[in-house]
Amino acid sequence: MTTMQLNAEILRNMSIIAEDENLLKRAAKYLRKLVAEKKDPTEISKEEFFASIEKGEEEYRQGKTHHIDSVEALHDFLNSL
């Protein structure tokens, strides 16, 4: 089914339930749920971002980081992964 056909089917079905407020509310609730599922899974909140920065800074202070000071060291590190 093409996008145009799907849009036509959705609009046709919406015209059928348009007169029933309860059905419209259910449809709106379901559409909000679908939109929430569509959000980018890699998107993080501002709080999560800053918590990650703080965690990285703490790991740096504890010496739990890798120090790469040359191209050769970078290649060696990447090849070890």
PDB file of N, CA and C in Angstrom:
ATOM      1  N   MET A   1       0.850  -1.175   0.000  1.00  0.00           N
ATOM      2  CA  MET A   1       0.000   0.000   0.000  1.00  0.00           C
ATOM      3  C   MET A   1       0.899   1.243   0.000  1.00  0.00           C
ATOM      4  N   THR A   2       0.590   2.190  -0.843  1.00  0.00           N
ATOM      5  CA  THR A   2       1.401   3.406  -0.942  1.00  0.00           C
ATOM      6  C   THR A   2       1.038   4.385   0.168  1.00  0.00           C
ATOM      7  N   THR A   3       1.896   5.372   0.335  1.00  0.00           N
ATOM      8  CA  THR A   3       1.646   6.406   1.347  1.00  0.00           C
ATOM      9  C   THR A   3       0.346   7.144   1.056  1.00  0.00           C
ATOM     10  N   MET A   4       0.110   7.431  -0.209  1.00  0.00           N
ATOM     11  CA  MET A   4      -1.136   8.138  -0.566  1.00  0.00           C
ATOM     12  C   MET A   4      -2.359   7.277  -0.240  1.00  0.00           C
ATOM     13  N   GLN A   5      -2.269   5.982  -0.486  1.00  0.00           N
ATOM     14  CA  GLN A   5      -3.384   5.101  -0.176  1.00  0.00           C
ATOM     15  C   GLN A   5      -3.602   5.011   1.334  1.00  0.00           C
ATOM     16  N   LEU A   6      -2.510   4.945   2.082  1.00  0.00           N
ATOM     17  CA  LEU A   6      -2.631   4.903   3.539  1.00  0.00           C
ATOM     18  C   LEU A   6      -3.257   6.186   4.075  1.00  0.00           C
ATOM     19  N   ASN A   7      -2.802   7.335   3.548  1.00  0.00           N
ATOM     20  CA  ASN A   7      -3.388   8.611   3.969  1.00  0.00           C
ATOM     21  C   ASN A   7      -4.878   8.653   3.665  1.00  0.00           C
ATOM     22  N   ALA A   8      -5.261   8.174   2.484  1.00  0.00           N
ATOM     23  CA  ALA A   8      -6.674   8.172   2.100  1.00  0.00           C
ATOM     24  C   ALA A   8      -7.478   7.272   3.033  1.00  0.00           C
ATOM     25  N   GLU A   9      -6.927   6.112   3.356  1.00  0.00           N
ATOM     26  CA  GLU A   9      -7.625   5.198   4.267  1.00  0.00           C
ATOM     27  C   GLU A   9      -7.789   5.806   5.654  1.00  0.00           C
ATOM     28  N   ILE A  10      -6.727   6.454   6.142  1.00  0.00           N
ATOM     29  CA  ILE A  10      -6.802   7.087   7.465  1.00  0.00           C
ATOM     30  C   ILE A  10      -7.843   8.190   7.468  1.00  0.00           C
ATOM     31  N   LEU A  11      -7.831   9.028   6.446  1.00  0.00           N
ATOM     32  CA  LEU A  11      -8.812  10.118   6.371  1.00  0.00           C
ATOM     33  C   LEU A  11     -10.234   9.570   6.250  1.00  0.00           C
ATOM     34  N   ARG A  12     -10.402   8.503   5.478  1.00  0.00           N
ATOM     35  CA  ARG A  12     -11.727   7.891   5.332  1.00  0.00           C
ATOM     36  C   ARG A  12     -12.214   7.380   6.696  1.00  0.00           C
ATOM     37  N   ASN A  13     -11.332   6.703   7.417  1.00  0.00           N
ATOM     38  CA  ASN A  13     -11.706   6.188   8.738  1.00  0.00           C
ATOM     39  C   ASN A  13     -11.952   7.322   9.731  1.00  0.00           C
ATOM     40  N   MET A  14     -11.171   8.383   9.648  1.00  0.00           N
ATOM     41  CA  MET A  14     -11.381   9.531  10.544  1.00  0.00           C
ATOM     42  C   MET A  14     -12.741  10.174  10.288  1.00  0.00           C
ATOM     43  N   SER A  15     -13.155  10.231   9.018  1.00  0.00           N
ATOM     44  CA  SER A  15     -14.459  10.834   8.731  1.00  0.00           C
ATOM     45  C   SER A  15     -15.595  10.000   9.325  1.00  0.00           C
ATOM     46  N   ILE A  16     -15.379   8.697   9.445  1.00  0.00           N
ATOM     47  CA  ILE A  16     -16.395   7.814  10.029  1.00  0.00           C
ATOM     48  C   ILE A  16     -16.520   8.046  11.534  1.00  0.00           C
ATOM     49  N   ILE A  17     -15.378   8.234  12.220  1.00  0.00           N
ATOM     50  CA  ILE A  17     -15.432   8.389  13.679  1.00  0.00           C
ATOM     51  C   ILE A  17     -15.515   9.850  14.124  1.00  0.00           C
ATOM     52  N   ALA A  18     -15.500  10.778  13.184  1.00  0.00           N
ATOM     53  CA  ALA A  18     -15.460  12.204  13.518  1.00  0.00           C
ATOM     54  C   ALA A  18     -16.651  12.662  14.355  1.00  0.00           C
ATOM     55  N   GLU A  19     -17.759  11.970  14.257  1.00  0.00           N
ATOM     56  CA  GLU A  19     -18.953  12.388  14.990  1.00  0.00           C
ATOM     57  C   GLU A  19     -19.051  11.768  16.373  1.00  0.00           C
ATOM     58  N   ASP A  20     -18.132  10.886  16.709  1.00  0.00           N
ATOM     59  CA  ASP A  20     -18.170  10.216  18.008  1.00  0.00           C
ATOM     60  C   ASP A  20     -16.990  10.699  18.856  1.00  0.00           C
ATOM     61  N   GLU A  21     -17.283  11.522  19.855  1.00  0.00           N
ATOM     62  CA  GLU A  21     -16.234  12.136  20.665  1.00  0.00           C
ATOM     63  C   GLU A  21     -15.378  11.090  21.380  1.00  0.00           C
ATOM     64  N   ASN A  22     -15.992  10.029  21.872  1.00  0.00           N
ATOM     65  CA  ASN A  22     -15.230   8.986  22.570  1.00  0.00           C
ATOM     66  C   ASN A  22     -14.236   8.292  21.642  1.00  0.00           C
ATOM     67  N   LEU A  23     -14.685   7.990  20.428  1.00  0.00           N
ATOM     68  CA  LEU A  23     -13.777   7.368  19.464  1.00  0.00           C
ATOM     69  C   LEU A  23     -12.645   8.312  19.079  1.00  0.00           C
ATOM     70  N   LEU A  24     -12.959   9.591  18.938  1.00  0.00           N
ATOM     71  CA  LEU A  24     -11.914  10.571  18.615  1.00  0.00           C
ATOM     72  C   LEU A  24     -10.880  10.670  19.729  1.00  0.00           C
ATOM     73  N   LYS A  25     -11.349  10.627  20.965  1.00  0.00           N
ATOM     74  CA  LYS A  25     -10.420  10.669  22.101  1.00  0.00           C
ATOM     75  C   LYS A  25      -9.508   9.451  22.102  1.00  0.00           C
ATOM     76  N   ARG A  26     -10.092   8.273  21.834  1.00  0.00           N
ATOM     77  CA  ARG A  26      -9.278   7.051  21.777  1.00  0.00           C
ATOM     78  C   ARG A  26      -8.260   7.124  20.641  1.00  0.00           C
ATOM     79  N   ALA A  27      -8.694   7.631  19.494  1.00  0.00           N
ATOM     80  CA  ALA A  27      -7.783   7.753  18.350  1.00  0.00           C
ATOM     81  C   ALA A  27      -6.645   8.723  18.671  1.00  0.00           C
ATOM     82  N   ALA A  28      -6.973   9.841  19.299  1.00  0.00           N
ATOM     83  CA  ALA A  28      -5.956  10.827  19.661  1.00  0.00           C
ATOM     84  C   ALA A  28      -4.960  10.241  20.652  1.00  0.00           C
ATOM     85  N   LYS A  29      -5.475   9.478  21.627  1.00  0.00           N
ATOM     86  CA  LYS A  29      -4.597   8.850  22.618  1.00  0.00           C
ATOM     87  C   LYS A  29      -3.648   7.863  21.941  1.00  0.00           C
ATOM     88  N   TYR A  30      -4.166   7.066  21.027  1.00  0.00           N
ATOM     89  CA  TYR A  30      -3.331   6.094  20.327  1.00  0.00           C
ATOM     90  C   TYR A  30      -2.298   6.788  19.435  1.00  0.00           C
ATOM     91  N   LEU A  31      -2.703   7.852  18.776  1.00  0.00           N
ATOM     92  CA  LEU A  31      -1.763   8.592  17.926  1.00  0.00           C
ATOM     93  C   LEU A  31      -0.638   9.206  18.750  1.00  0.00           C
ATOM     94  N   ARG A  32      -0.954   9.723  19.942  1.00  0.00           N
ATOM     95  CA  ARG A  32       0.098  10.249  20.818  1.00  0.00           C
ATOM     96  C   ARG A  32       1.079   9.150  21.198  1.00  0.00           C
ATOM     97  N   LYS A  33       0.536   7.938  21.441  1.00  0.00           N
ATOM     98  CA  LYS A  33       1.392   6.799  21.778  1.00  0.00           C
ATOM     99  C   LYS A  33       2.318   6.454  20.606  1.00  0.00           C
ATOM    100  N   LEU A  34       1.784   6.453  19.403  1.00  0.00           N
ATOM    101  CA  LEU A  34       2.603   6.168  18.224  1.00  0.00           C
ATOM    102  C   LEU A  34       3.700   7.210  18.032  1.00  0.00           C
ATOM    103  N   VAL A  35       3.361   8.465  18.234  1.00  0.00           N
ATOM    104  CA  VAL A  35       4.346   9.538  18.084  1.00  0.00           C
ATOM    105  C   VAL A  35       5.449   9.384  19.128  1.00  0.00           C
ATOM    106  N   ALA A  36       5.091   9.012  20.342  1.00  0.00           N
ATOM    107  CA  ALA A  36       6.089   8.822  21.400  1.00  0.00           C
ATOM    108  C   ALA A  36       7.048   7.696  21.036  1.00  0.00           C
ATOM    109  N   GLU A  37       6.552   6.641  20.393  1.00  0.00           N
ATOM    110  CA  GLU A  37       7.402   5.530  19.973  1.00  0.00           C
ATOM    111  C   GLU A  37       8.361   5.948  18.865  1.00  0.00           C
ATOM    112  N   LYS A  38       7.996   6.935  18.089  1.00  0.00           N
ATOM    113  CA  LYS A  38       8.776   7.374  16.936  1.00  0.00           C
ATOM    114  C   LYS A  38      10.001   8.185  17.337  1.00  0.00           C
ATOM    115  N   LYS A  39      10.052   8.673  18.562  1.00  0.00           N
ATOM    116  CA  LYS A  39      11.168   9.518  18.995  1.00  0.00           C
ATOM    117  C   LYS A  39      12.492   8.798  18.826  1.00  0.00           C
ATOM    118  N   ASP A  40      13.505   9.563  18.549  1.00  0.00           N
ATOM    119  CA  ASP A  40      14.853   9.045  18.320  1.00  0.00           C
ATOM    120  C   ASP A  40      15.376   8.365  19.587  1.00  0.00           C
ATOM    121  N   PRO A  41      15.705   7.081  19.523  1.00  0.00           N
ATOM    122  CA  PRO A  41      16.179   6.376  20.715  1.00  0.00           C
ATOM    123  C   PRO A  41      17.549   6.850  21.193  1.00  0.00           C
ATOM    124  N   THR A  42      18.273   7.546  20.338  1.00  0.00           N
ATOM    125  CA  THR A  42      19.588   8.041  20.750  1.00  0.00           C
ATOM    126  C   THR A  42      19.496   9.410  21.412  1.00  0.00           C
ATOM    127  N   GLU A  43      18.323  10.000  21.387  1.00  0.00           N
ATOM    128  CA  GLU A  43      18.134  11.318  21.997  1.00  0.00           C
ATOM    129  C   GLU A  43      18.151  11.178  23.519  1.00  0.00           C
ATOM    130  N   ILE A  44      18.932  12.037  24.163  1.00  0.00           N
ATOM    131  CA  ILE A  44      18.989  12.005  25.627  1.00  0.00           C
ATOM    132  C   ILE A  44      18.569  13.365  26.169  1.00  0.00           C
ATOM    133  N   SER A  45      18.154  13.349  27.407  1.00  0.00           N
ATOM    134  CA  SER A  45      17.720  14.595  28.036  1.00  0.00           C
ATOM    135  C   SER A  45      18.943  15.426  28.432  1.00  0.00           C
ATOM    136  N   LYS A  46      18.684  16.667  28.744  1.00  0.00           N
ATOM    137  CA  LYS A  46      19.744  17.572  29.196  1.00  0.00           C
ATOM    138  C   LYS A  46      20.402  17.029  30.469  1.00  0.00           C
ATOM    139  N   GLU A  47      19.563  16.489  31.359  1.00  0.00           N
ATOM    140  CA  GLU A  47      20.078  15.941  32.616  1.00  0.00           C
ATOM    141  C   GLU A  47      20.978  14.735  32.360  1.00  0.00           C
ATOM    142  N   GLU A  48      20.555  13.852  31.442  1.00  0.00           N
ATOM    143  CA  GLU A  48      21.366  12.687  31.108  1.00  0.00           C
ATOM    144  C   GLU A  48      22.698  13.103  30.483  1.00  0.00           C
ATOM    145  N   PHE A  49      22.657  14.120  29.630  1.00  0.00           N
ATOM    146  CA  PHE A  49      23.870  14.605  28.983  1.00  0.00           C
ATOM    147  C   PHE A  49      24.880  15.100  30.026  1.00  0.00           C
ATOM    148  N   PHE A  50      24.425  15.951  30.940  1.00  0.00           N
ATOM    149  CA  PHE A  50      25.341  16.509  31.934  1.00  0.00           C
ATOM    150  C   PHE A  50      25.803  15.445  32.937  1.00  0.00           C
ATOM    151  N   ALA A  51      24.945  14.462  33.226  1.00  0.00           N
ATOM    152  CA  ALA A  51      25.360  13.357  34.095  1.00  0.00           C
ATOM    153  C   ALA A  51      26.468  12.552  33.430  1.00  0.00           C
ATOM    154  N   SER A  52      26.365  12.366  32.123  1.00  0.00           N
ATOM    155  CA  SER A  52      27.399  11.648  31.382  1.00  0.00           C
ATOM    156  C   SER A  52      28.720  12.414  31.398  1.00  0.00           C
ATOM    157  N   ILE A  53      28.644  13.728  31.251  1.00  0.00           N
ATOM    158  CA  ILE A  53      29.847  14.568  31.304  1.00  0.00           C
ATOM    159  C   ILE A  53      30.495  14.456  32.688  1.00  0.00           C
ATOM    160  N   GLU A  54      29.689  14.551  33.729  1.00  0.00           N
ATOM    161  CA  GLU A  54      30.217  14.445  35.094  1.00  0.00           C
ATOM    162  C   GLU A  54      30.852  13.080  35.340  1.00  0.00           C
ATOM    163  N   LYS A  55      30.222  12.026  34.839  1.00  0.00           N
ATOM    164  CA  LYS A  55      30.778  10.688  34.994  1.00  0.00           C
ATOM    165  C   LYS A  55      32.133  10.590  34.288  1.00  0.00           C
ATOM    166  N   GLY A  56      32.220  11.135  33.091  1.00  0.00           N
ATOM    167  CA  GLY A  56      33.481  11.131  32.352  1.00  0.00           C
ATOM    168  C   GLY A  56      34.565  11.910  33.069  1.00  0.00           C
ATOM    169  N   GLU A  57      34.205  13.047  33.627  1.00  0.00           N
ATOM    170  CA  GLU A  57      35.184  13.847  34.380  1.00  0.00           C
ATOM    171  C   GLU A  57      35.680  13.085  35.608  1.00  0.00           C
ATOM    172  N   GLU A  58      34.768  12.380  36.282  1.00  0.00           N
ATOM    173  CA  GLU A  58      35.155  11.601  37.454  1.00  0.00           C
ATOM    174  C   GLU A  58      36.077  10.446  37.056  1.00  0.00           C
ATOM    175  N   GLU A  59      35.758   9.777  35.955  1.00  0.00           N
ATOM    176  CA  GLU A  59      36.626   8.701  35.473  1.00  0.00           C
ATOM    177  C   GLU A  59      38.006   9.244  35.106  1.00  0.00           C
ATOM    178  N   TYR A  60      38.046  10.447  34.538  1.00  0.00           N
ATOM    179  CA  TYR A  60      39.320  11.072  34.204  1.00  0.00           C
ATOM    180  C   TYR A  60      40.134  11.337  35.471  1.00  0.00           C
ATOM    181  N   ARG A  61      39.468  11.874  36.501  1.00  0.00           N
ATOM    182  CA  ARG A  61      40.163  12.157  37.766  1.00  0.00           C
ATOM    183  C   ARG A  61      40.696  10.868  38.400  1.00  0.00           C
ATOM    184  N   GLN A  62      39.982   9.769  38.215  1.00  0.00           N
ATOM    185  CA  GLN A  62      40.396   8.489  38.789  1.00  0.00           C
ATOM    186  C   GLN A  62      41.406   7.747  37.915  1.00  0.00           C
ATOM    187  N   GLY A  63      41.737   8.323  36.779  1.00  0.00           N
ATOM    188  CA  GLY A  63      42.713   7.697  35.888  1.00  0.00           C
ATOM    189  C   GLY A  63      42.172   6.525  35.096  1.00  0.00           C
ATOM    190  N   LYS A  64      40.873   6.480  34.909  1.00  0.00           N
ATOM    191  CA  LYS A  64      40.242   5.370  34.196  1.00  0.00           C
ATOM    192  C   LYS A  64      40.057   5.665  32.701  1.00  0.00           C
ATOM    193  N   THR A  65      40.859   6.563  32.174  1.00  0.00           N
ATOM    194  CA  THR A  65      40.715   6.936  30.770  1.00  0.00           C
ATOM    195  C   THR A  65      41.943   6.502  29.985  1.00  0.00           C
ATOM    196  N   HIS A  66      41.829   6.497  28.675  1.00  0.00           N
ATOM    197  CA  HIS A  66      42.946   6.179  27.796  1.00  0.00           C
ATOM    198  C   HIS A  66      43.589   7.483  27.345  1.00  0.00           C
ATOM    199  N   HIS A  67      44.906   7.518  27.391  1.00  0.00           N
ATOM    200  CA  HIS A  67      45.634   8.695  26.923  1.00  0.00           C
ATOM    201  C   HIS A  67      46.323   8.334  25.608  1.00  0.00           C
ATOM    202  N   ILE A  68      45.977   9.027  24.570  1.00  0.00           N
ATOM    203  CA  ILE A  68      46.531   8.757  23.250  1.00  0.00           C
ATOM    204  C   ILE A  68      47.254  10.018  22.792  1.00  0.00           C
ATOM    205  N   ASP A  69      48.563   9.909  22.668  1.00  0.00           N
ATOM    206  CA  ASP A  69      49.345  11.106  22.347  1.00  0.00           C
ATOM    207  C   ASP A  69      50.034  11.041  20.986  1.00  0.00           C
ATOM    208  N   SER A  70      49.719  10.013  20.197  1.00  0.00           N
ATOM    209  CA  SER A  70      50.300   9.946  18.854  1.00  0.00           C
ATOM    210  C   SER A  70      49.358   9.174  17.941  1.00  0.00           C
ATOM    211  N   VAL A  71      49.595   9.319  16.651  1.00  0.00           N
ATOM    212  CA  VAL A  71      48.773   8.612  15.673  1.00  0.00           C
ATOM    213  C   VAL A  71      48.974   7.103  15.821  1.00  0.00           C
ATOM    214  N   GLU A  72      50.209   6.704  16.078  1.00  0.00           N
ATOM    215  CA  GLU A  72      50.484   5.273  16.242  1.00  0.00           C
ATOM    216  C   GLU A  72      49.735   4.702  17.448  1.00  0.00           C
ATOM    217  N   ALA A  73      49.725   5.453  18.543  1.00  0.00           N
ATOM    218  CA  ALA A  73      49.001   5.007  19.731  1.00  0.00           C
ATOM    219  C   ALA A  73      47.501   4.908  19.444  1.00  0.00           C
ATOM    220  N   LEU A  74      46.991   5.835  18.645  1.00  0.00           N
ATOM    221  CA  LEU A  74      45.581   5.797  18.264  1.00  0.00           C
ATOM    222  C   LEU A  74      45.297   4.548  17.439  1.00  0.00           C
ATOM    223  N   HIS A  75      46.155   4.260  16.459  1.00  0.00           N
ATOM    224  CA  HIS A  75      45.974   3.063  15.639  1.00  0.00           C
ATOM    225  C   HIS A  75      46.041   1.797  16.495  1.00  0.00           C
ATOM    226  N   ASP A  76      47.000   1.745  17.401  1.00  0.00           N
ATOM    227  CA  ASP A  76      47.121   0.581  18.280  1.00  0.00           C
ATOM    228  C   ASP A  76      45.862   0.393  19.128  1.00  0.00           C
ATOM    229  N   PHE A  77      45.357   1.499  19.660  1.00  0.00           N
ATOM    230  CA  PHE A  77      44.158   1.426  20.495  1.00  0.00           C
ATOM    231  C   PHE A  77      42.974   0.949  19.672  1.00  0.00           C
ATOM    232  N   LEU A  78      42.768   1.523  18.495  1.00  0.00           N
ATOM    233  CA  LEU A  78      41.625   1.147  17.662  1.00  0.00           C
ATOM    234  C   LEU A  78      41.731  -0.302  17.201  1.00  0.00           C
ATOM    235  N   ASN A  79      42.926  -0.756  16.899  1.00  0.00           N
ATOM    236  CA  ASN A  79      43.103  -2.145  16.483  1.00  0.00           C
ATOM    237  C   ASN A  79      42.866  -3.117  17.623  1.00  0.00           C
ATOM    238  N   SER A  80      43.009  -2.659  18.856  1.00  0.00           N
ATOM    239  CA  SER A  80      42.813  -3.535  20.010  1.00  0.00           C
ATOM    240  C   SER A  80      41.329  -3.726  20.342  1.00  0.00           C
ATOM    241  N   LEU A  81      40.479  -2.930  19.746  1.00  0.00           N
ATOM    242  CA  LEU A  81      39.042  -3.019  20.053  1.00  0.00           C
ATOM    243  C   LEU A  81      38.370  -4.198  19.381  1.00  0.00           C
TER     244      LEU A  81
END
